[in-house]
Amino acid sequence: MKIIFYFSMMIFMICNILIIISSIVSKKSFMDREKNSPFECGFDPKSSARMPFSLHFFLIAVIFLIFDVEITLLIPIISILKISNIWNFNSIMIFFLLILLIGLYYEWNQGALTWTK
């Protein structure tokens, strides 16, 4: 039993030594301000963190998610075509696309799709 304990402790120590050596060897020696700063799309990472956030970015992301989810709901409808009546399929598809088009028209009418305001 003691041999197994010593063997497991030796493996544990070897693993820890390898982790420490690899972290020392892999450290970057060249420190650049731009490379070390976090990447924020469309924002200057060196400015104040308390600046107001443009809600237009958030609105575009929400619109993208809504229409992306709608497309994922359209794909299974194609597989229903084989097992359902063609009239039922057409009515469901027209209803679904009509809801999408009304939503797109509403967003367009409200000005949410225009980038500059």
PDB file of N, CA and C in Angstrom:
ATOM      1  N   MET A   1       0.813  -1.188   0.000  1.00  0.00           N
ATOM      2  CA  MET A   1       0.000   0.000   0.000  1.00  0.00           C
ATOM      3  C   MET A   1       0.861   1.257   0.000  1.00  0.00           C
ATOM      4  N   LYS A   2       1.978   1.217   0.732  1.00  0.00           N
ATOM      5  CA  LYS A   2       2.841   2.389   0.777  1.00  0.00           C
ATOM      6  C   LYS A   2       3.477   2.661  -0.572  1.00  0.00           C
ATOM      7  N   ILE A   3       3.740   1.616  -1.312  1.00  0.00           N
ATOM      8  CA  ILE A   3       4.364   1.782  -2.627  1.00  0.00           C
ATOM      9  C   ILE A   3       3.408   2.513  -3.567  1.00  0.00           C
ATOM     10  N   ILE A   4       2.146   2.167  -3.517  1.00  0.00           N
ATOM     11  CA  ILE A   4       1.150   2.822  -4.367  1.00  0.00           C
ATOM     12  C   ILE A   4       1.022   4.299  -3.975  1.00  0.00           C
ATOM     13  N   PHE A   5       1.031   4.568  -2.677  1.00  0.00           N
ATOM     14  CA  PHE A   5       0.948   5.946  -2.205  1.00  0.00           C
ATOM     15  C   PHE A   5       2.150   6.752  -2.682  1.00  0.00           C
ATOM     16  N   TYR A   6       3.367   6.214  -2.513  1.00  0.00           N
ATOM     17  CA  TYR A   6       4.572   6.917  -2.943  1.00  0.00           C
ATOM     18  C   TYR A   6       4.597   7.095  -4.461  1.00  0.00           C
ATOM     19  N   PHE A   7       4.148   6.090  -5.161  1.00  0.00           N
ATOM     20  CA  PHE A   7       4.110   6.171  -6.629  1.00  0.00           C
ATOM     21  C   PHE A   7       3.132   7.260  -7.080  1.00  0.00           C
ATOM     22  N   SER A   8       1.957   7.331  -6.467  1.00  0.00           N
ATOM     23  CA  SER A   8       0.979   8.355  -6.839  1.00  0.00           C
ATOM     24  C   SER A   8       1.479   9.748  -6.455  1.00  0.00           C
ATOM     25  N   MET A   9       2.170   9.873  -5.314  1.00  0.00           N
ATOM     26  CA  MET A   9       2.731  11.172  -4.927  1.00  0.00           C
ATOM     27  C   MET A   9       3.834  11.599  -5.890  1.00  0.00           C
ATOM     28  N   MET A  10       4.616  10.644  -6.370  1.00  0.00           N
ATOM     29  CA  MET A  10       5.677  10.958  -7.318  1.00  0.00           C
ATOM     30  C   MET A  10       5.070  11.431  -8.649  1.00  0.00           C
ATOM     31  N   ILE A  11       4.025  10.792  -9.103  1.00  0.00           N
ATOM     32  CA  ILE A  11       3.352  11.211 -10.339  1.00  0.00           C
ATOM     33  C   ILE A  11       2.738  12.599 -10.156  1.00  0.00           C
ATOM     34  N   PHE A  12       2.147  12.836  -8.994  1.00  0.00           N
ATOM     35  CA  PHE A  12       1.569  14.147  -8.696  1.00  0.00           C
ATOM     36  C   PHE A  12       2.638  15.236  -8.726  1.00  0.00           C
ATOM     37  N   MET A  13       3.786  14.981  -8.118  1.00  0.00           N
ATOM     38  CA  MET A  13       4.869  15.959  -8.095  1.00  0.00           C
ATOM     39  C   MET A  13       5.435  16.204  -9.495  1.00  0.00           C
ATOM     40  N   ILE A  14       5.564  15.152 -10.282  1.00  0.00           N
ATOM     41  CA  ILE A  14       6.065  15.300 -11.652  1.00  0.00           C
ATOM     42  C   ILE A  14       5.103  16.147 -12.483  1.00  0.00           C
ATOM     43  N   CYS A  15       3.819  15.907 -12.321  1.00  0.00           N
ATOM     44  CA  CYS A  15       2.821  16.694 -13.056  1.00  0.00           C
ATOM     45  C   CYS A  15       2.878  18.161 -12.639  1.00  0.00           C
ATOM     46  N   ASN A  16       2.996  18.433 -11.353  1.00  0.00           N
ATOM     47  CA  ASN A  16       3.082  19.815 -10.893  1.00  0.00           C
ATOM     48  C   ASN A  16       4.337  20.499 -11.403  1.00  0.00           C
ATOM     49  N   ILE A  17       5.452  19.794 -11.388  1.00  0.00           N
ATOM     50  CA  ILE A  17       6.703  20.373 -11.897  1.00  0.00           C
ATOM     51  C   ILE A  17       6.576  20.665 -13.387  1.00  0.00           C
ATOM     52  N   LEU A  18       5.969  19.769 -14.158  1.00  0.00           N
ATOM     53  CA  LEU A  18       5.771  20.005 -15.589  1.00  0.00           C
ATOM     54  C   LEU A  18       4.835  21.190 -15.855  1.00  0.00           C
ATOM     55  N   ILE A  19       3.823  21.342 -15.039  1.00  0.00           N
ATOM     56  CA  ILE A  19       2.911  22.485 -15.199  1.00  0.00           C
ATOM     57  C   ILE A  19       3.643  23.793 -14.928  1.00  0.00           C
ATOM     58  N   ILE A  20       4.458  23.826 -13.874  1.00  0.00           N
ATOM     59  CA  ILE A  20       5.203  25.045 -13.535  1.00  0.00           C
ATOM     60  C   ILE A  20       6.220  25.369 -14.621  1.00  0.00           C
ATOM     61  N   ILE A  21       6.931  24.371 -15.104  1.00  0.00           N
ATOM     62  CA  ILE A  21       7.928  24.593 -16.158  1.00  0.00           C
ATOM     63  C   ILE A  21       7.260  25.082 -17.444  1.00  0.00           C
ATOM     64  N   SER A  22       6.138  24.489 -17.801  1.00  0.00           N
ATOM     65  CA  SER A  22       5.470  24.910 -19.033  1.00  0.00           C
ATOM     66  C   SER A  22       4.908  26.322 -18.914  1.00  0.00           C
ATOM     67  N   SER A  23       4.432  26.720 -17.744  1.00  0.00           N
ATOM     68  CA  SER A  23       3.934  28.090 -17.589  1.00  0.00           C
ATOM     69  C   SER A  23       5.072  29.104 -17.637  1.00  0.00           C
ATOM     70  N   ILE A  24       6.239  28.746 -17.140  1.00  0.00           N
ATOM     71  CA  ILE A  24       7.395  29.649 -17.188  1.00  0.00           C
ATOM     72  C   ILE A  24       7.896  29.779 -18.622  1.00  0.00           C
ATOM     73  N   VAL A  25       7.977  28.677 -19.327  1.00  0.00           N
ATOM     74  CA  VAL A  25       8.502  28.685 -20.690  1.00  0.00           C
ATOM     75  C   VAL A  25       7.539  29.380 -21.661  1.00  0.00           C
ATOM     76  N   SER A  26       6.255  29.244 -21.451  1.00  0.00           N
ATOM     77  CA  SER A  26       5.291  29.754 -22.414  1.00  0.00           C
ATOM     78  C   SER A  26       4.897  31.211 -22.203  1.00  0.00           C
ATOM     79  N   LYS A  27       5.467  31.883 -21.235  1.00  0.00           N
ATOM     80  CA  LYS A  27       5.113  33.285 -20.994  1.00  0.00           C
ATOM     81  C   LYS A  27       5.614  34.153 -22.136  1.00  0.00           C
ATOM     82  N   LYS A  28       4.832  35.169 -22.471  1.00  0.00           N
ATOM     83  CA  LYS A  28       5.224  36.097 -23.520  1.00  0.00           C
ATOM     84  C   LYS A  28       6.298  37.026 -22.975  1.00  0.00           C
ATOM     85  N   SER A  29       7.349  37.172 -23.745  1.00  0.00           N
ATOM     86  CA  SER A  29       8.390  38.091 -23.322  1.00  0.00           C
ATOM     87  C   SER A  29       8.177  39.467 -23.931  1.00  0.00           C
ATOM     88  N   PHE A  30       7.402  39.556 -25.016  1.00  0.00           N
ATOM     89  CA  PHE A  30       7.139  40.828 -25.677  1.00  0.00           C
ATOM     90  C   PHE A  30       5.767  41.319 -25.265  1.00  0.00           C
ATOM     91  N   MET A  31       5.730  42.366 -24.477  1.00  0.00           N
ATOM     92  CA  MET A  31       4.462  42.912 -24.006  1.00  0.00           C
ATOM     93  C   MET A  31       4.105  44.129 -24.855  1.00  0.00           C
ATOM     94  N   ASP A  32       2.993  44.031 -25.564  1.00  0.00           N
ATOM     95  CA  ASP A  32       2.523  45.124 -26.403  1.00  0.00           C
ATOM     96  C   ASP A  32       1.181  45.594 -25.863  1.00  0.00           C
ATOM     97  N   ARG A  33       0.978  46.893 -25.826  1.00  0.00           N
ATOM     98  CA  ARG A  33      -0.258  47.447 -25.267  1.00  0.00           C
ATOM     99  C   ARG A  33      -1.469  47.013 -26.090  1.00  0.00           C
ATOM    100  N   GLU A  34      -1.339  47.055 -27.401  1.00  0.00           N
ATOM    101  CA  GLU A  34      -2.462  46.698 -28.269  1.00  0.00           C
ATOM    102  C   GLU A  34      -2.753  45.197 -28.221  1.00  0.00           C
ATOM    103  N   LYS A  35      -1.718  44.379 -28.141  1.00  0.00           N
ATOM    104  CA  LYS A  35      -1.916  42.928 -28.112  1.00  0.00           C
ATOM    105  C   LYS A  35      -2.507  42.458 -26.795  1.00  0.00           C
ATOM    106  N   ASN A  36      -2.192  43.138 -25.709  1.00  0.00           N
ATOM    107  CA  ASN A  36      -2.675  42.724 -24.393  1.00  0.00           C
ATOM    108  C   ASN A  36      -4.044  43.297 -24.053  1.00  0.00           C
ATOM    109  N   SER A  37      -4.517  44.270 -24.835  1.00  0.00           N
ATOM    110  CA  SER A  37      -5.821  44.856 -24.546  1.00  0.00           C
ATOM    111  C   SER A  37      -6.929  43.965 -25.081  1.00  0.00           C
ATOM    112  N   PRO A  38      -8.067  43.918 -24.426  1.00  0.00           N
ATOM    113  CA  PRO A  38      -9.182  43.093 -24.909  1.00  0.00           C
ATOM    114  C   PRO A  38      -9.767  43.691 -26.177  1.00  0.00           C
ATOM    115  N   PHE A  39     -10.226  42.822 -27.059  1.00  0.00           N
ATOM    116  CA  PHE A  39     -10.816  43.281 -28.312  1.00  0.00           C
ATOM    117  C   PHE A  39     -12.300  43.514 -28.121  1.00  0.00           C
ATOM    118  N   GLU A  40     -12.729  44.729 -28.365  1.00  0.00           N
ATOM    119  CA  GLU A  40     -14.140  45.076 -28.281  1.00  0.00           C
ATOM    120  C   GLU A  40     -14.550  45.590 -29.650  1.00  0.00           C
ATOM    121  N   CYS A  41     -15.448  44.918 -30.272  1.00  0.00           N
ATOM    122  CA  CYS A  41     -15.861  45.269 -31.620  1.00  0.00           C
ATOM    123  C   CYS A  41     -16.580  46.615 -31.631  1.00  0.00           C
ATOM    124  N   GLY A  42     -15.991  47.589 -32.314  1.00  0.00           N
ATOM    125  CA  GLY A  42     -16.621  48.889 -32.466  1.00  0.00           C
ATOM    126  C   GLY A  42     -16.371  49.848 -31.328  1.00  0.00           C
ATOM    127  N   PHE A  43     -15.609  49.452 -30.324  1.00  0.00           N
ATOM    128  CA  PHE A  43     -15.389  50.318 -29.176  1.00  0.00           C
ATOM    129  C   PHE A  43     -13.897  50.450 -28.917  1.00  0.00           C
ATOM    130  N   ASP A  44     -13.504  51.597 -28.407  1.00  0.00           N
ATOM    131  CA  ASP A  44     -12.119  51.818 -28.013  1.00  0.00           C
ATOM    132  C   ASP A  44     -11.923  51.247 -26.616  1.00  0.00           C
ATOM    133  N   PRO A  45     -11.076  50.215 -26.441  1.00  0.00           N
ATOM    134  CA  PRO A  45     -10.934  49.603 -25.118  1.00  0.00           C
ATOM    135  C   PRO A  45     -10.202  50.490 -24.114  1.00  0.00           C
ATOM    136  N   LYS A  46      -9.563  51.568 -24.569  1.00  0.00           N
ATOM    137  CA  LYS A  46      -8.820  52.435 -23.659  1.00  0.00           C
ATOM    138  C   LYS A  46      -9.651  53.607 -23.152  1.00  0.00           C
ATOM    139  N   SER A  47     -10.883  53.712 -23.606  1.00  0.00           N
ATOM    140  CA  SER A  47     -11.725  54.817 -23.150  1.00  0.00           C
ATOM    141  C   SER A  47     -12.401  54.452 -21.830  1.00  0.00           C
ATOM    142  N   SER A  48     -13.175  55.373 -21.327  1.00  0.00           N
ATOM    143  CA  SER A  48     -13.845  55.175 -20.046  1.00  0.00           C
ATOM    144  C   SER A  48     -14.872  54.047 -20.137  1.00  0.00           C
ATOM    145  N   ALA A  49     -14.957  53.241 -19.108  1.00  0.00           N
ATOM    146  CA  ALA A  49     -15.915  52.133 -19.087  1.00  0.00           C
ATOM    147  C   ALA A  49     -17.317  52.613 -18.746  1.00  0.00           C
ATOM    148  N   ARG A  50     -17.455  53.850 -18.329  1.00  0.00           N
ATOM    149  CA  ARG A  50     -18.747  54.389 -17.918  1.00  0.00           C
ATOM    150  C   ARG A  50     -19.468  55.130 -19.046  1.00  0.00           C
ATOM    151  N   MET A  51     -18.939  55.037 -20.272  1.00  0.00           N
ATOM    152  CA  MET A  51     -19.600  55.698 -21.393  1.00  0.00           C
ATOM    153  C   MET A  51     -20.911  54.990 -21.712  1.00  0.00           C
ATOM    154  N   PRO A  52     -21.929  55.741 -22.144  1.00  0.00           N
ATOM    155  CA  PRO A  52     -23.206  55.089 -22.469  1.00  0.00           C
ATOM    156  C   PRO A  52     -23.064  54.164 -23.673  1.00  0.00           C
ATOM    157  N   PHE A  53     -23.708  53.038 -23.582  1.00  0.00           N
ATOM    158  CA  PHE A  53     -23.651  52.019 -24.627  1.00  0.00           C
ATOM    159  C   PHE A  53     -24.712  52.324 -25.678  1.00  0.00           C
ATOM    160  N   SER A  54     -24.323  52.223 -26.934  1.00  0.00           N
ATOM    161  CA  SER A  54     -25.276  52.451 -28.014  1.00  0.00           C
ATOM    162  C   SER A  54     -26.238  51.271 -28.092  1.00  0.00           C
ATOM    163  N   LEU A  55     -27.509  51.551 -27.925  1.00  0.00           N
ATOM    164  CA  LEU A  55     -28.508  50.485 -27.962  1.00  0.00           C
ATOM    165  C   LEU A  55     -28.756  49.975 -29.367  1.00  0.00           C
ATOM    166  N   HIS A  56     -28.232  50.675 -30.363  1.00  0.00           N
ATOM    167  CA  HIS A  56     -28.434  50.218 -31.740  1.00  0.00           C
ATOM    168  C   HIS A  56     -27.719  48.886 -31.984  1.00  0.00           C
ATOM    169  N   PHE A  57     -26.535  48.695 -31.392  1.00  0.00           N
ATOM    170  CA  PHE A  57     -25.837  47.413 -31.509  1.00  0.00           C
ATOM    171  C   PHE A  57     -26.686  46.294 -30.904  1.00  0.00           C
ATOM    172  N   PHE A  58     -27.256  46.562 -29.753  1.00  0.00           N
ATOM    173  CA  PHE A  58     -28.093  45.576 -29.078  1.00  0.00           C
ATOM    174  C   PHE A  58     -29.336  45.270 -29.890  1.00  0.00           C
ATOM    175  N   LEU A  59     -29.952  46.277 -30.479  1.00  0.00           N
ATOM    176  CA  LEU A  59     -31.163  46.094 -31.269  1.00  0.00           C
ATOM    177  C   LEU A  59     -30.892  45.254 -32.515  1.00  0.00           C
ATOM    178  N   ILE A  60     -29.789  45.526 -33.182  1.00  0.00           N
ATOM    179  CA  ILE A  60     -29.434  44.728 -34.363  1.00  0.00           C
ATOM    180  C   ILE A  60     -29.176  43.276 -33.962  1.00  0.00           C
ATOM    181  N   ALA A  61     -28.533  43.045 -32.827  1.00  0.00           N
ATOM    182  CA  ALA A  61     -28.271  41.678 -32.373  1.00  0.00           C
ATOM    183  C   ALA A  61     -29.564  40.950 -32.043  1.00  0.00           C
ATOM    184  N   VAL A  62     -30.509  41.622 -31.413  1.00  0.00           N
ATOM    185  CA  VAL A  62     -31.788  40.989 -31.078  1.00  0.00           C
ATOM    186  C   VAL A  62     -32.576  40.664 -32.341  1.00  0.00           C
ATOM    187  N   ILE A  63     -32.583  41.583 -33.300  1.00  0.00           N
ATOM    188  CA  ILE A  63     -33.274  41.325 -34.571  1.00  0.00           C
ATOM    189  C   ILE A  63     -32.643  40.136 -35.285  1.00  0.00           C
ATOM    190  N   PHE A  64     -31.308  40.071 -35.280  1.00  0.00           N
ATOM    191  CA  PHE A  64     -30.638  38.935 -35.904  1.00  0.00           C
ATOM    192  C   PHE A  64     -31.032  37.631 -35.222  1.00  0.00           C
ATOM    193  N   LEU A  65     -31.069  37.614 -33.892  1.00  0.00           N
ATOM    194  CA  LEU A  65     -31.440  36.395 -33.179  1.00  0.00           C
ATOM    195  C   LEU A  65     -32.876  35.974 -33.473  1.00  0.00           C
ATOM    196  N   ILE A  66     -33.771  36.939 -33.537  1.00  0.00           N
ATOM    197  CA  ILE A  66     -35.165  36.606 -33.818  1.00  0.00           C
ATOM    198  C   ILE A  66     -35.296  35.955 -35.183  1.00  0.00           C
ATOM    199  N   PHE A  67     -34.699  36.561 -36.203  1.00  0.00           N
ATOM    200  CA  PHE A  67     -34.836  36.005 -37.545  1.00  0.00           C
ATOM    201  C   PHE A  67     -34.012  34.731 -37.718  1.00  0.00           C
ATOM    202  N   ASP A  68     -32.948  34.587 -36.962  1.00  0.00           N
ATOM    203  CA  ASP A  68     -32.173  33.356 -37.010  1.00  0.00           C
ATOM    204  C   ASP A  68     -32.971  32.201 -36.417  1.00  0.00           C
ATOM    205  N   VAL A  69     -33.650  32.442 -35.320  1.00  0.00           N
ATOM    206  CA  VAL A  69     -34.501  31.406 -34.715  1.00  0.00           C
ATOM    207  C   VAL A  69     -35.653  31.064 -35.640  1.00  0.00           C
ATOM    208  N   GLU A  70     -36.189  32.057 -36.320  1.00  0.00           N
ATOM    209  CA  GLU A  70     -37.283  31.801 -37.258  1.00  0.00           C
ATOM    210  C   GLU A  70     -36.823  30.883 -38.397  1.00  0.00           C
ATOM    211  N   ILE A  71     -35.611  31.060 -38.865  1.00  0.00           N
ATOM    212  CA  ILE A  71     -35.104  30.191 -39.932  1.00  0.00           C
ATOM    213  C   ILE A  71     -34.941  28.763 -39.416  1.00  0.00           C
ATOM    214  N   THR A  72     -34.507  28.613 -38.173  1.00  0.00           N
ATOM    215  CA  THR A  72     -34.387  27.263 -37.626  1.00  0.00           C
ATOM    216  C   THR A  72     -35.756  26.616 -37.441  1.00  0.00           C
ATOM    217  N   LEU A  73     -36.792  27.414 -37.313  1.00  0.00           N
ATOM    218  CA  LEU A  73     -38.139  26.856 -37.249  1.00  0.00           C
ATOM    219  C   LEU A  73     -38.684  26.512 -38.635  1.00  0.00           C
ATOM    220  N   LEU A  74     -38.159  27.147 -39.670  1.00  0.00           N
ATOM    221  CA  LEU A  74     -38.607  26.853 -41.032  1.00  0.00           C
ATOM    222  C   LEU A  74     -38.069  25.514 -41.543  1.00  0.00           C
ATOM    223  N   ILE A  75     -36.898  25.129 -41.123  1.00  0.00           N
ATOM    224  CA  ILE A  75     -36.272  23.905 -41.643  1.00  0.00           C
ATOM    225  C   ILE A  75     -37.088  22.650 -41.337  1.00  0.00           C
ATOM    226  N   PRO A  76     -37.612  22.435 -40.127  1.00  0.00           N
ATOM    227  CA  PRO A  76     -38.422  21.230 -39.896  1.00  0.00           C
ATOM    228  C   PRO A  76     -39.745  21.215 -40.675  1.00  0.00           C
ATOM    229  N   ILE A  77     -40.223  22.382 -41.060  1.00  0.00           N
ATOM    230  CA  ILE A  77     -41.468  22.421 -41.818  1.00  0.00           C
ATOM    231  C   ILE A  77     -41.294  21.725 -43.160  1.00  0.00           C
ATOM    232  N   ILE A  78     -40.105  21.756 -43.716  1.00  0.00           N
ATOM    233  CA  ILE A  78     -39.844  21.094 -44.993  1.00  0.00           C
ATOM    234  C   ILE A  78     -40.018  19.583 -44.855  1.00  0.00           C
ATOM    235  N   SER A  79     -39.590  19.018 -43.722  1.00  0.00           N
ATOM    236  CA  SER A  79     -39.751  17.579 -43.533  1.00  0.00           C
ATOM    237  C   SER A  79     -41.212  17.180 -43.323  1.00  0.00           C
ATOM    238  N   ILE A  80     -42.055  18.103 -42.899  1.00  0.00           N
ATOM    239  CA  ILE A  80     -43.483  17.831 -42.704  1.00  0.00           C
ATOM    240  C   ILE A  80     -44.191  17.667 -44.054  1.00  0.00           C
ATOM    241  N   LEU A  81     -43.604  18.216 -45.103  1.00  0.00           N
ATOM    242  CA  LEU A  81     -44.225  18.175 -46.422  1.00  0.00           C
ATOM    243  C   LEU A  81     -44.530  16.746 -46.865  1.00  0.00           C
ATOM    244  N   LYS A  82     -43.692  15.796 -46.515  1.00  0.00           N
ATOM    245  CA  LYS A  82     -43.890  14.407 -46.943  1.00  0.00           C
ATOM    246  C   LYS A  82     -45.070  13.740 -46.242  1.00  0.00           C
ATOM    247  N   ILE A  83     -45.369  14.156 -45.020  1.00  0.00           N
ATOM    248  CA  ILE A  83     -46.404  13.447 -44.266  1.00  0.00           C
ATOM    249  C   ILE A  83     -47.714  14.220 -44.146  1.00  0.00           C
ATOM    250  N   SER A  84     -47.744  15.459 -44.643  1.00  0.00           N
ATOM    251  CA  SER A  84     -48.971  16.242 -44.484  1.00  0.00           C
ATOM    252  C   SER A  84     -49.610  16.533 -45.838  1.00  0.00           C
ATOM    253  N   ASN A  85     -50.795  17.042 -45.755  1.00  0.00           N
ATOM    254  CA  ASN A  85     -51.546  17.447 -46.933  1.00  0.00           C
ATOM    255  C   ASN A  85     -50.896  18.707 -47.510  1.00  0.00           C
ATOM    256  N   ILE A  86     -50.893  18.836 -48.836  1.00  0.00           N
ATOM    257  CA  ILE A  86     -50.247  19.981 -49.472  1.00  0.00           C
ATOM    258  C   ILE A  86     -50.949  21.286 -49.106  1.00  0.00           C
ATOM    259  N   TRP A  87     -52.270  21.247 -48.922  1.00  0.00           N
ATOM    260  CA  TRP A  87     -53.003  22.457 -48.553  1.00  0.00           C
ATOM    261  C   TRP A  87     -52.676  22.881 -47.125  1.00  0.00           C
ATOM    262  N   ASN A  88     -52.568  21.916 -46.223  1.00  0.00           N
ATOM    263  CA  ASN A  88     -52.176  22.245 -44.846  1.00  0.00           C
ATOM    264  C   ASN A  88     -50.757  22.811 -44.803  1.00  0.00           C
ATOM    265  N   PHE A  89     -49.884  22.190 -45.573  1.00  0.00           N
ATOM    266  CA  PHE A  89     -48.495  22.653 -45.615  1.00  0.00           C
ATOM    267  C   PHE A  89     -48.429  24.084 -46.138  1.00  0.00           C
ATOM    268  N   ASN A  90     -49.145  24.358 -47.224  1.00  0.00           N
ATOM    269  CA  ASN A  90     -49.120  25.708 -47.794  1.00  0.00           C
ATOM    270  C   ASN A  90     -49.708  26.736 -46.839  1.00  0.00           C
ATOM    271  N   SER A  91     -50.801  26.389 -46.163  1.00  0.00           N
ATOM    272  CA  SER A  91     -51.397  27.355 -45.240  1.00  0.00           C
ATOM    273  C   SER A  91     -50.475  27.635 -44.051  1.00  0.00           C
ATOM    274  N   ILE A  92     -49.829  26.611 -43.521  1.00  0.00           N
ATOM    275  CA  ILE A  92     -48.897  26.815 -42.408  1.00  0.00           C
ATOM    276  C   ILE A  92     -47.700  27.648 -42.863  1.00  0.00           C
ATOM    277  N   MET A  93     -47.172  27.336 -44.038  1.00  0.00           N
ATOM    278  CA  MET A  93     -46.003  28.056 -44.542  1.00  0.00           C
ATOM    279  C   MET A  93     -46.339  29.514 -44.862  1.00  0.00           C
ATOM    280  N   ILE A  94     -47.480  29.752 -45.461  1.00  0.00           N
ATOM    281  CA  ILE A  94     -47.877  31.127 -45.778  1.00  0.00           C
ATOM    282  C   ILE A  94     -48.118  31.912 -44.491  1.00  0.00           C
ATOM    283  N   PHE A  95     -48.766  31.309 -43.515  1.00  0.00           N
ATOM    284  CA  PHE A  95     -49.003  31.977 -42.241  1.00  0.00           C
ATOM    285  C   PHE A  95     -47.693  32.333 -41.545  1.00  0.00           C
ATOM    286  N   PHE A  96     -46.767  31.382 -41.538  1.00  0.00           N
ATOM    287  CA  PHE A  96     -45.478  31.580 -40.887  1.00  0.00           C
ATOM    288  C   PHE A  96     -44.683  32.683 -41.577  1.00  0.00           C
ATOM    289  N   LEU A  97     -44.609  32.637 -42.906  1.00  0.00           N
ATOM    290  CA  LEU A  97     -43.877  33.661 -43.645  1.00  0.00           C
ATOM    291  C   LEU A  97     -44.563  35.022 -43.549  1.00  0.00           C
ATOM    292  N   LEU A  98     -45.878  35.033 -43.454  1.00  0.00           N
ATOM    293  CA  LEU A  98     -46.605  36.290 -43.294  1.00  0.00           C
ATOM    294  C   LEU A  98     -46.251  36.947 -41.957  1.00  0.00           C
ATOM    295  N   ILE A  99     -46.143  36.154 -40.897  1.00  0.00           N
ATOM    296  CA  ILE A  99     -45.733  36.693 -39.597  1.00  0.00           C
ATOM    297  C   ILE A  99     -44.315  37.265 -39.684  1.00  0.00           C
ATOM    298  N   LEU A 100     -43.424  36.549 -40.378  1.00  0.00           N
ATOM    299  CA  LEU A 100     -42.055  37.046 -40.544  1.00  0.00           C
ATOM    300  C   LEU A 100     -42.029  38.354 -41.327  1.00  0.00           C
ATOM    301  N   LEU A 101     -42.780  38.420 -42.405  1.00  0.00           N
ATOM    302  CA  LEU A 101     -42.786  39.631 -43.221  1.00  0.00           C
ATOM    303  C   LEU A 101     -43.419  40.810 -42.491  1.00  0.00           C
ATOM    304  N   ILE A 102     -44.451  40.568 -41.709  1.00  0.00           N
ATOM    305  CA  ILE A 102     -45.055  41.644 -40.916  1.00  0.00           C
ATOM    306  C   ILE A 102     -44.054  42.157 -39.876  1.00  0.00           C
ATOM    307  N   GLY A 103     -43.323  41.236 -39.252  1.00  0.00           N
ATOM    308  CA  GLY A 103     -42.290  41.650 -38.291  1.00  0.00           C
ATOM    309  C   GLY A 103     -41.174  42.431 -38.952  1.00  0.00           C
ATOM    310  N   LEU A 104     -40.755  42.004 -40.137  1.00  0.00           N
ATOM    311  CA  LEU A 104     -39.712  42.723 -40.865  1.00  0.00           C
ATOM    312  C   LEU A 104     -40.194  44.107 -41.278  1.00  0.00           C
ATOM    313  N   TYR A 105     -41.441  44.197 -41.752  1.00  0.00           N
ATOM    314  CA  TYR A 105     -42.003  45.492 -42.132  1.00  0.00           C
ATOM    315  C   TYR A 105     -42.107  46.416 -40.916  1.00  0.00           C
ATOM    316  N   TYR A 106     -42.512  45.871 -39.785  1.00  0.00           N
ATOM    317  CA  TYR A 106     -42.621  46.674 -38.564  1.00  0.00           C
ATOM    318  C   TYR A 106     -41.259  47.234 -38.153  1.00  0.00           C
ATOM    319  N   GLU A 107     -40.223  46.370 -38.186  1.00  0.00           N
ATOM    320  CA  GLU A 107     -38.879  46.825 -37.829  1.00  0.00           C
ATOM    321  C   GLU A 107     -38.392  47.883 -38.816  1.00  0.00           C
ATOM    322  N   TRP A 108     -38.673  47.694 -40.077  1.00  0.00           N
ATOM    323  CA  TRP A 108     -38.269  48.647 -41.100  1.00  0.00           C
ATOM    324  C   TRP A 108     -39.023  49.967 -40.922  1.00  0.00           C
ATOM    325  N   ASN A 109     -40.305  49.883 -40.619  1.00  0.00           N
ATOM    326  CA  ASN A 109     -41.121  51.071 -40.426  1.00  0.00           C
ATOM    327  C   ASN A 109     -40.694  51.855 -39.195  1.00  0.00           C
ATOM    328  N   GLN A 110     -40.269  51.168 -38.141  1.00  0.00           N
ATOM    329  CA  GLN A 110     -39.827  51.838 -36.923  1.00  0.00           C
ATOM    330  C   GLN A 110     -38.421  52.434 -37.068  1.00  0.00           C
ATOM    331  N   GLY A 111     -37.711  52.085 -38.143  1.00  0.00           N
ATOM    332  CA  GLY A 111     -36.367  52.612 -38.362  1.00  0.00           C
ATOM    333  C   GLY A 111     -35.291  51.835 -37.659  1.00  0.00           C
ATOM    334  N   ALA A 112     -35.577  50.616 -37.241  1.00  0.00           N
ATOM    335  CA  ALA A 112     -34.581  49.829 -36.521  1.00  0.00           C
ATOM    336  C   ALA A 112     -33.531  49.258 -37.460  1.00  0.00           C
ATOM    337  N   LEU A 113     -33.808  49.194 -38.741  1.00  0.00           N
ATOM    338  CA  LEU A 113     -32.861  48.610 -39.680  1.00  0.00           C
ATOM    339  C   LEU A 113     -31.927  49.648 -40.297  1.00  0.00           C
ATOM    340  N   THR A 114     -32.178  50.930 -40.044  1.00  0.00           N
ATOM    341  CA  THR A 114     -31.271  51.961 -40.549  1.00  0.00           C
ATOM    342  C   THR A 114     -30.132  52.134 -39.570  1.00  0.00           C
ATOM    343  N   TRP A 115     -28.904  52.134 -40.092  1.00  0.00           N
ATOM    344  CA  TRP A 115     -27.733  52.156 -39.220  1.00  0.00           C
ATOM    345  C   TRP A 115     -27.508  53.543 -38.630  1.00  0.00           C
ATOM    346  N   THR A 116     -27.700  54.593 -39.400  1.00  0.00           N
ATOM    347  CA  THR A 116     -27.464  55.935 -38.884  1.00  0.00           C
ATOM    348  C   THR A 116     -28.799  56.591 -38.561  1.00  0.00           C
ATOM    349  N   LYS A 117     -28.802  57.296 -37.448  1.00  0.00           N
ATOM    350  CA  LYS A 117     -30.028  58.000 -37.040  1.00  0.00           C
ATOM    351  C   LYS A 117     -29.717  59.455 -36.817  1.00  0.00           C
TER     352      LYS A 117
END
